[in-house]
Amino acid sequence: MRNITVTSVRTLRTLGVVLFLLPVVAGLIALAFVAPIPQPESYHHFADQRRLLGIPNFWDVVSNLPFAVAGALGLRAFRDLASRLLFAGVFLTTFGSAWYHWAPDSPRLVWDRLPITVAVMSLVALVIHAAFGAKLGRALLLPLVAAGLFSVAWWRVEGDLRPYLLVQFAPMVMLPVALIFFDLPAPRELWIAVVLYGLAKVAELTDREIYSAFVLSGHTLKHLLAGLSTYWLYLWRRAADTTFG
C-alpha cells in the first residue's frame, strides 16, 4: 500500500511538472508558427476618458494608487531579491501605468509594461522557489526577469507582441497548476491573488460593456482588482516568510 501511495505521489508530481511547463513550451512552439502580432491602435482608446481636477482620463490614472500601497508594503517588509523585485515592479507600475493613461500611446505603454513584467517574472521565480527548491528559484530569477524585459523591448523594436503575450499569459496557467499539484505555502492567499488577477483581466476585456452599465469602466476596475491582487501577494509572501527567509 505504501509503495502504491509513493508511486501515486510521484505520478502526480510528474504530471504537475509537465502541466507547469506546458504553457511555456506551447508558447515557444507557437512563436515558430504564429505570425507576428502587432499592437492594435484601438487598444489605446479606453471607454472612460473623463477629465477631472485637470487630469485627463482621471479614473484610469488614479486607480493605479493601490499598486503603490502594495509595492511599498512589500519593499518595506522583505529583503530577498525576488521579493524586492516583485514589489519594486508593483510599486513602479503605479507611475508607469499612470504615465501611460495620462495620454495613451505606444511609446508611453512601454513604461507601463516594463515594471509589470518584472513583477510577473519575479512572482514566477518565487513560486518555482517554493515548488522546486530555493536553488532553482534563485538561479532562474534574473533570467526570467530578463526574458520579461526582452519581451517588451522586442515588441517596441519589432512591433511584435508574441513574446510579451507569452510572458503575460503563461503565468496565469502556471500559478494555478503549482497551487494544485505542489505543496506551496499559504495557498489561500495566493489563490485569492490569482483569482483577483483573473477577474482583472476579464474587466479589462469588457471595458466598454462595464462602463455602459456602471459608473466606472472595466479598465478602471481592472486596475483596482489587480492592485488588490498585489496586496494579497504581499499577504501571501508575509504568510510564507519562513519559506523564503
Protein backbone atom coordinates (compact mmCIF):
# COMPACT_ATOMS: atom_id res chain seq x y z
CA MET A 1 0.00 0.00 0.00
CA ARG A 2 2.83 2.38 0.89
CA ASN A 3 4.54 1.73 -2.47
CA ILE A 4 1.29 2.47 -4.29
CA THR A 5 0.94 5.74 -2.38
CA VAL A 6 4.52 6.79 -3.11
CA THR A 7 4.06 5.92 -6.78
CA SER A 8 0.85 7.94 -6.93
CA VAL A 9 2.52 10.96 -5.35
CA ARG A 10 5.40 10.74 -7.82
CA THR A 11 2.98 10.38 -10.73
CA LEU A 12 1.02 13.44 -9.62
CA ARG A 13 4.21 15.44 -9.17
CA THR A 14 5.41 14.44 -12.64
CA LEU A 15 2.06 15.44 -14.10
CA GLY A 16 2.31 18.74 -12.24
CA VAL A 17 5.76 19.43 -13.67
CA VAL A 18 4.52 18.67 -17.19
CA LEU A 19 1.48 20.92 -16.84
CA PHE A 20 3.57 23.66 -15.20
CA LEU A 21 5.94 23.72 -18.17
CA LEU A 22 3.28 23.14 -20.83
CA PRO A 23 2.22 26.79 -21.40
CA VAL A 24 5.86 27.82 -21.82
CA VAL A 25 6.65 25.01 -24.24
CA ALA A 26 3.41 25.54 -26.17
CA GLY A 27 4.08 29.28 -26.32
CA LEU A 28 7.62 28.82 -27.60
CA ILE A 29 6.39 26.40 -30.28
CA ALA A 30 3.67 28.89 -31.25
CA LEU A 31 6.33 31.55 -31.80
CA ALA A 32 7.59 29.46 -34.72
CA PHE A 33 4.19 29.08 -36.38
CA VAL A 34 2.10 32.13 -35.45
CA ALA A 35 2.65 35.28 -37.49
CA PRO A 36 3.88 38.40 -35.67
CA ILE A 37 1.10 40.14 -33.74
CA PRO A 38 1.13 43.96 -33.97
CA GLN A 39 -0.18 46.28 -31.26
CA PRO A 40 -3.59 47.49 -32.47
CA GLU A 41 -4.01 51.25 -32.19
CA SER A 42 -7.54 50.66 -30.92
CA TYR A 43 -6.00 49.34 -27.70
CA HIS A 44 -5.32 52.94 -26.61
CA HIS A 45 -8.97 54.01 -26.92
CA PHE A 46 -10.37 53.38 -23.45
CA ALA A 47 -14.01 53.80 -22.54
CA ASP A 48 -13.72 56.34 -19.71
CA GLN A 49 -11.98 59.50 -20.93
CA ARG A 50 -13.40 61.91 -18.36
CA ARG A 51 -11.15 64.75 -17.19
CA LEU A 52 -11.41 65.64 -13.50
CA LEU A 53 -9.28 68.06 -11.43
CA GLY A 54 -7.30 68.81 -14.57
CA ILE A 55 -6.27 65.16 -15.00
CA PRO A 56 -7.18 63.54 -18.33
CA ASN A 57 -8.60 60.00 -18.17
CA PHE A 58 -8.88 60.65 -14.44
CA TRP A 59 -10.11 57.29 -13.18
CA ASP A 60 -7.73 55.20 -15.29
CA VAL A 61 -4.86 57.34 -13.93
CA VAL A 62 -5.70 57.48 -10.21
CA SER A 63 -6.89 53.87 -9.98
CA ASN A 64 -3.21 52.86 -10.06
CA LEU A 65 -2.68 54.05 -6.47
CA PRO A 66 -3.31 50.60 -4.89
CA PHE A 67 -0.13 49.38 -6.62
CA ALA A 68 1.86 51.99 -4.69
CA VAL A 69 0.41 50.78 -1.39
CA ALA A 70 1.10 47.08 -2.00
CA GLY A 71 4.51 47.81 -3.51
CA ALA A 72 5.60 49.99 -0.59
CA LEU A 73 4.43 47.39 1.94
CA GLY A 74 6.40 44.67 0.18
CA LEU A 75 9.56 46.73 -0.22
CA ARG A 76 9.46 47.60 3.46
CA ALA A 77 8.82 44.05 4.66
CA PHE A 78 11.05 41.77 2.58
CA ARG A 79 14.78 41.64 1.85
CA ASP A 80 15.26 38.69 -0.54
CA LEU A 81 15.99 39.73 -4.13
CA ALA A 82 12.97 38.04 -5.73
CA SER A 83 10.51 39.71 -3.35
CA ARG A 84 12.18 43.09 -3.70
CA LEU A 85 12.00 42.84 -7.49
CA LEU A 86 8.37 41.72 -7.28
CA PHE A 87 7.27 44.64 -5.14
CA ALA A 88 9.53 47.14 -6.88
CA GLY A 89 7.77 46.16 -10.10
CA VAL A 90 4.39 46.56 -8.40
CA PHE A 91 5.36 49.96 -6.97
CA LEU A 92 6.73 51.27 -10.28
CA THR A 93 3.59 50.08 -12.10
CA THR A 94 1.79 52.91 -10.29
CA PHE A 95 3.82 55.50 -12.15
CA GLY A 96 4.27 53.65 -15.44
CA SER A 97 0.57 52.96 -15.80
CA ALA A 98 -0.45 56.46 -14.67
CA TRP A 99 2.00 57.98 -17.17
CA TYR A 100 0.59 55.84 -19.95
CA HIS A 101 -3.07 56.51 -19.15
CA TRP A 102 -2.48 60.26 -18.94
CA ALA A 103 -2.02 60.27 -22.74
CA PRO A 104 -2.26 56.69 -24.06
CA ASP A 105 0.03 55.73 -26.95
CA SER A 106 2.56 53.01 -27.72
CA PRO A 107 5.72 54.88 -26.59
CA ARG A 108 4.17 55.50 -23.16
CA LEU A 109 2.85 51.95 -22.98
CA VAL A 110 6.45 50.72 -22.74
CA TRP A 111 6.73 52.28 -19.27
CA ASP A 112 3.52 50.57 -18.19
CA ARG A 113 4.62 47.14 -19.37
CA LEU A 114 8.23 47.11 -18.17
CA PRO A 115 7.51 47.08 -14.41
CA ILE A 116 4.61 44.66 -14.90
CA THR A 117 6.92 42.09 -16.49
CA VAL A 118 9.44 42.49 -13.66
CA ALA A 119 6.71 41.80 -11.11
CA VAL A 120 5.23 38.84 -13.00
CA MET A 121 8.56 37.13 -13.66
CA SER A 122 9.72 37.65 -10.07
CA LEU A 123 6.49 36.05 -8.84
CA VAL A 124 7.09 33.05 -11.10
CA ALA A 125 10.59 32.72 -9.63
CA LEU A 126 9.17 32.79 -6.09
CA VAL A 127 6.65 30.08 -6.98
CA ILE A 128 9.45 27.96 -8.51
CA HIS A 129 11.44 28.51 -5.31
CA ALA A 130 8.51 27.25 -3.23
CA ALA A 131 7.61 24.33 -5.51
CA PHE A 132 11.01 23.08 -6.67
CA GLY A 133 13.54 24.49 -4.22
CA ALA A 134 15.47 27.63 -3.39
CA LYS A 135 18.45 26.81 -5.63
CA LEU A 136 16.35 26.60 -8.81
CA GLY A 137 14.20 29.61 -7.92
CA ARG A 138 17.22 31.81 -7.30
CA ALA A 139 19.03 30.55 -10.40
CA LEU A 140 16.05 31.35 -12.65
CA LEU A 141 15.13 34.72 -11.14
CA LEU A 142 17.33 37.02 -13.20
CA PRO A 143 16.92 35.05 -16.47
CA LEU A 144 13.13 35.21 -16.04
CA VAL A 145 13.19 38.95 -15.33
CA ALA A 146 15.49 39.46 -18.32
CA ALA A 147 13.08 37.48 -20.52
CA GLY A 148 10.22 39.70 -19.39
CA LEU A 149 12.14 42.89 -20.16
CA PHE A 150 13.23 41.45 -23.50
CA SER A 151 9.60 40.73 -24.45
CA VAL A 152 8.73 44.41 -24.04
CA ALA A 153 11.84 45.54 -25.93
CA TRP A 154 11.07 43.08 -28.74
CA TRP A 155 7.53 44.42 -29.05
CA ARG A 156 8.72 48.03 -29.16
CA VAL A 157 11.54 47.43 -31.67
CA GLU A 158 9.95 44.75 -33.87
CA GLY A 159 6.28 45.64 -33.41
CA ASP A 160 5.54 42.04 -32.41
CA LEU A 161 3.54 41.21 -29.27
CA ARG A 162 4.09 37.43 -29.30
CA PRO A 163 6.87 37.22 -26.65
CA TYR A 164 5.08 39.71 -24.41
CA LEU A 165 1.82 37.75 -24.63
CA LEU A 166 3.71 34.60 -23.65
CA VAL A 167 5.22 36.36 -20.63
CA GLN A 168 1.81 37.71 -19.62
CA PHE A 169 -0.40 34.68 -20.07
CA ALA A 170 1.81 31.64 -19.36
CA PRO A 171 2.00 32.52 -15.62
CA MET A 172 -1.82 32.65 -15.50
CA VAL A 173 -1.74 28.90 -16.17
CA MET A 174 1.47 28.09 -14.30
CA LEU A 175 0.39 29.53 -10.95
CA PRO A 176 -2.90 27.57 -10.62
CA VAL A 177 -1.07 24.41 -11.69
CA ALA A 178 1.55 24.98 -8.99
CA LEU A 179 -1.18 25.55 -6.41
CA ILE A 180 -3.00 22.35 -7.39
CA PHE A 181 -0.03 19.98 -7.73
CA PHE A 182 2.58 21.28 -5.29
CA ASP A 183 2.60 22.00 -1.59
CA LEU A 184 3.00 25.76 -1.76
CA PRO A 185 2.98 27.79 1.46
CA ALA A 186 -0.08 29.90 2.31
CA PRO A 187 -2.11 28.62 -0.67
CA ARG A 188 -5.27 30.51 0.36
CA GLU A 189 -3.61 33.91 -0.02
CA LEU A 190 -2.03 33.00 -3.34
CA TRP A 191 -5.31 31.59 -4.69
CA ILE A 192 -7.08 34.84 -3.82
CA ALA A 193 -4.37 36.84 -5.59
CA VAL A 194 -4.65 34.64 -8.70
CA VAL A 195 -8.47 34.83 -8.80
CA LEU A 196 -8.43 38.62 -8.37
CA TYR A 197 -5.95 38.96 -11.22
CA GLY A 198 -8.11 36.74 -13.42
CA LEU A 199 -11.11 38.96 -12.66
CA ALA A 200 -8.97 41.98 -13.52
CA LYS A 201 -8.25 40.55 -16.98
CA VAL A 202 -11.97 39.90 -17.51
CA ALA A 203 -12.72 43.52 -16.55
CA GLU A 204 -10.03 44.72 -18.97
CA LEU A 205 -11.61 42.79 -21.84
CA THR A 206 -15.06 44.19 -21.06
CA ASP A 207 -14.01 47.83 -20.62
CA ARG A 208 -16.86 49.42 -22.59
CA GLU A 209 -19.54 46.97 -21.57
CA ILE A 210 -18.89 47.63 -17.89
CA TYR A 211 -18.74 51.39 -18.41
CA SER A 212 -22.09 51.37 -20.20
CA ALA A 213 -23.69 49.82 -17.12
CA PHE A 214 -21.59 51.17 -14.25
CA VAL A 215 -20.09 54.42 -13.01
CA LEU A 216 -16.54 53.15 -13.59
CA SER A 217 -15.08 51.49 -16.68
CA GLY A 218 -13.80 47.95 -16.99
CA HIS A 219 -10.24 49.20 -17.29
CA THR A 220 -10.51 51.21 -14.08
CA LEU A 221 -11.89 48.14 -12.32
CA LYS A 222 -9.01 46.16 -13.81
CA HIS A 223 -6.54 48.44 -12.04
CA LEU A 224 -8.43 48.20 -8.74
CA LEU A 225 -8.72 44.41 -8.89
CA ALA A 226 -5.10 43.96 -9.96
CA GLY A 227 -3.99 46.32 -7.20
CA LEU A 228 -5.97 44.29 -4.67
CA SER A 229 -4.37 41.16 -6.12
CA THR A 230 -0.90 42.57 -5.43
CA TYR A 231 -1.93 43.30 -1.83
CA TRP A 232 -2.85 39.62 -1.47
CA LEU A 233 0.55 38.76 -2.94
CA TYR A 234 2.01 40.79 -0.09
CA LEU A 235 -0.14 38.84 2.39
CA TRP A 236 0.96 35.57 0.74
CA ARG A 237 4.64 36.49 0.89
CA ARG A 238 4.29 37.52 4.54
CA ALA A 239 2.45 34.30 5.47
CA ALA A 240 5.10 32.25 3.62
CA ASP A 241 8.03 34.15 5.11
CA THR A 242 9.84 31.11 6.50
CA THR A 243 9.93 29.57 3.01
CA PHE A 244 11.87 32.48 1.51
CA GLY A 245 13.60 33.93 4.58
